């Protein structure tokens, strides 16, 4: 559907990760069930009045006229809903990364698990960082190739 919008509105092209979100809303204050009930009552009244009417028209013709009148009631109610089509341009979300660089981040944590310690040392050394402080670990997490931040 976006390709059709780009053809109809050429100046509003959407880039990668951007698009146009479309919503349809109405301004009718009453619940939908009440509207359906009103249409059923109006249709029943129309059928009753057409069938009660004296004249030369056959029953099938009278029912057809009642159905047409009920459809017109439905059309008027549909228009009274005040349907609106809204288009909103979407954008990629912004990401903020905050790293604490106070003195508390210079502390090196000691882990009881030797495998975890050796894995942390290997990752920090692989990235060429100097020590195993909390700040360096945060940098290692952000600089990894498999970290999908974008």
Protein backbone atom coordinates (compact mmCIF):
# COMPACT_ATOMS: atom_id res chain seq x y z
CA UNK A 1 0.00 0.00 0.00
CA UNK A 2 2.94 2.38 0.62
CA UNK A 3 3.95 2.19 -3.04
CA UNK A 4 0.47 3.45 -3.99
CA UNK A 5 0.75 6.33 -1.52
CA UNK A 6 4.18 7.19 -2.95
CA UNK A 7 2.65 7.33 -6.45
CA UNK A 8 -0.33 9.46 -5.39
CA UNK A 9 1.71 11.74 -3.10
CA UNK A 10 5.18 11.86 -4.69
CA UNK A 11 6.65 14.52 -2.39
CA UNK A 12 6.12 12.46 0.75
CA UNK A 13 8.39 9.51 0.05
CA UNK A 14 9.21 7.30 2.98
CA UNK A 15 12.78 6.24 3.66
CA UNK A 16 14.13 3.07 5.21
CA UNK A 17 12.32 2.36 8.45
CA UNK A 18 9.84 5.13 7.82
CA UNK A 19 6.34 4.80 6.54
CA UNK A 20 2.82 6.07 6.71
CA UNK A 21 0.38 4.66 9.24
CA UNK A 22 -3.26 4.97 8.34
CA UNK A 23 -6.15 4.95 10.79
CA UNK A 24 -9.87 5.28 10.28
CA UNK A 25 -11.88 6.84 13.11
CA UNK A 26 -15.37 8.16 13.64
CA UNK A 27 -16.94 10.84 15.81
CA UNK A 28 -20.25 9.09 16.57
CA UNK A 29 -20.73 9.19 20.35
CA UNK A 30 -23.10 6.23 20.70
CA UNK A 31 -22.12 2.53 20.91
CA UNK A 32 -22.18 0.41 17.77
CA UNK A 33 -24.78 -1.98 19.23
CA UNK A 34 -27.23 0.88 19.69
CA UNK A 35 -26.79 1.83 16.05
CA UNK A 36 -27.51 -1.73 14.90
CA UNK A 37 -30.57 -1.88 17.18
CA UNK A 38 -31.81 1.41 15.73
CA UNK A 39 -31.40 0.12 12.16
CA UNK A 40 -33.25 -3.11 13.01
CA UNK A 41 -36.14 -1.17 14.56
CA UNK A 42 -36.28 1.22 11.59
CA UNK A 43 -36.23 -1.71 9.16
CA UNK A 44 -38.99 -3.50 11.05
CA UNK A 45 -41.09 -0.31 11.06
CA UNK A 46 -40.58 0.15 7.32
CA UNK A 47 -41.55 -3.47 6.57
CA UNK A 48 -44.59 -3.21 8.86
CA UNK A 49 -45.81 0.04 7.27
CA UNK A 50 -45.30 -1.18 3.69
CA UNK A 51 -47.07 -4.49 4.33
CA UNK A 52 -49.98 -2.77 6.09
CA UNK A 53 -50.48 -0.34 3.22
CA UNK A 54 -53.37 -1.01 0.87
CA UNK A 55 -52.71 -0.85 -2.81
CA UNK A 56 -52.09 -2.82 -5.96
CA UNK A 57 -48.42 -3.56 -5.33
CA UNK A 58 -47.49 -7.16 -4.61
CA UNK A 59 -45.96 -8.25 -1.30
CA UNK A 60 -42.55 -8.79 -2.90
CA UNK A 61 -42.56 -5.22 -4.24
CA UNK A 62 -43.50 -3.83 -0.83
CA UNK A 63 -40.73 -5.82 0.88
CA UNK A 64 -38.25 -4.60 -1.74
CA UNK A 65 -39.29 -0.98 -1.08
CA UNK A 66 -38.90 -1.57 2.68
CA UNK A 67 -35.41 -2.96 2.12
CA UNK A 68 -34.49 0.10 0.03
CA UNK A 69 -35.79 2.43 2.75
CA UNK A 70 -33.84 0.52 5.41
CA UNK A 71 -30.69 0.73 3.28
CA UNK A 72 -31.19 4.49 3.01
CA UNK A 73 -31.54 4.69 6.81
CA UNK A 74 -28.31 2.73 7.08
CA UNK A 75 -26.57 5.09 4.64
CA UNK A 76 -27.68 8.14 6.61
CA UNK A 77 -26.52 6.58 9.88
CA UNK A 78 -23.20 5.61 8.23
CA UNK A 79 -22.69 9.22 7.12
CA UNK A 80 -23.61 10.48 10.60
CA UNK A 81 -20.73 8.45 12.03
CA UNK A 82 -18.39 11.07 10.56
CA UNK A 83 -15.73 8.66 9.31
CA UNK A 84 -12.27 10.20 8.96
CA UNK A 85 -9.13 8.79 7.37
CA UNK A 86 -5.96 9.91 9.17
CA UNK A 87 -2.46 9.49 7.80
CA UNK A 88 0.51 9.69 10.19
CA UNK A 89 4.11 9.63 9.04
CA UNK A 90 6.11 7.19 11.17
CA UNK A 91 9.77 7.46 12.03
CA UNK A 92 12.47 5.23 13.45
CA UNK A 93 12.68 5.32 17.24
CA UNK A 94 15.53 7.22 18.85
CA UNK A 95 17.90 5.32 21.10
CA UNK A 96 19.89 6.88 23.90
CA UNK A 97 22.81 5.04 25.48
CA UNK A 98 24.03 6.46 28.77
CA UNK A 99 27.18 5.10 30.40
CA UNK A 100 28.22 6.06 33.88
CA UNK A 101 31.86 7.17 33.78
CA UNK A 102 32.25 7.99 37.47
CA UNK A 103 34.90 6.44 39.72
CA UNK A 104 32.58 3.59 40.68
CA UNK A 105 32.84 2.27 37.11
CA UNK A 106 36.59 1.82 37.45
CA UNK A 107 36.07 -1.03 39.92
CA UNK A 108 36.97 -4.47 38.64
CA UNK A 109 34.43 -7.10 39.57
CA UNK A 110 35.64 -10.52 40.71
CA UNK A 111 33.54 -13.49 39.71
CA UNK A 112 33.53 -16.90 41.38
CA UNK A 113 32.96 -18.67 38.07
CA UNK A 114 36.33 -19.14 36.32
CA UNK A 115 34.72 -19.73 32.93
CA UNK A 116 32.87 -16.42 33.13
CA UNK A 117 36.05 -14.59 34.15
CA UNK A 118 38.04 -16.09 31.27
CA UNK A 119 35.27 -15.21 28.79
CA UNK A 120 35.21 -11.59 30.01
CA UNK A 121 39.01 -11.35 29.79
CA UNK A 122 38.94 -12.76 26.26
CA UNK A 123 36.26 -10.29 25.08
CA UNK A 124 38.01 -7.29 26.63
CA UNK A 125 41.39 -8.35 25.15
CA UNK A 126 39.84 -9.04 21.74
CA UNK A 127 38.57 -5.47 21.55
CA UNK A 128 41.91 -4.06 22.65
CA UNK A 129 40.60 -2.53 25.86
CA UNK A 130 43.06 -2.00 28.70
CA UNK A 131 41.40 -3.46 31.79
CA UNK A 132 38.35 -5.33 33.05
CA UNK A 133 36.58 -2.50 34.84
CA UNK A 134 32.82 -2.03 34.66
CA UNK A 135 33.27 0.80 32.15
CA UNK A 136 35.40 -1.39 29.88
CA UNK A 137 32.81 -4.18 30.15
CA UNK A 138 30.08 -1.74 29.11
CA UNK A 139 32.18 -0.67 26.14
CA UNK A 140 32.78 -4.32 25.24
CA UNK A 141 29.05 -5.03 25.21
CA UNK A 142 28.37 -2.01 23.00
CA UNK A 143 31.27 -2.70 20.60
CA UNK A 144 30.57 -6.40 19.99
CA UNK A 145 29.76 -7.37 16.42
CA UNK A 146 26.66 -9.33 17.41
CA UNK A 147 25.19 -6.43 19.44
CA UNK A 148 22.27 -5.29 17.31
CA UNK A 149 21.74 -1.70 18.34
CA UNK A 150 20.61 -0.34 14.98
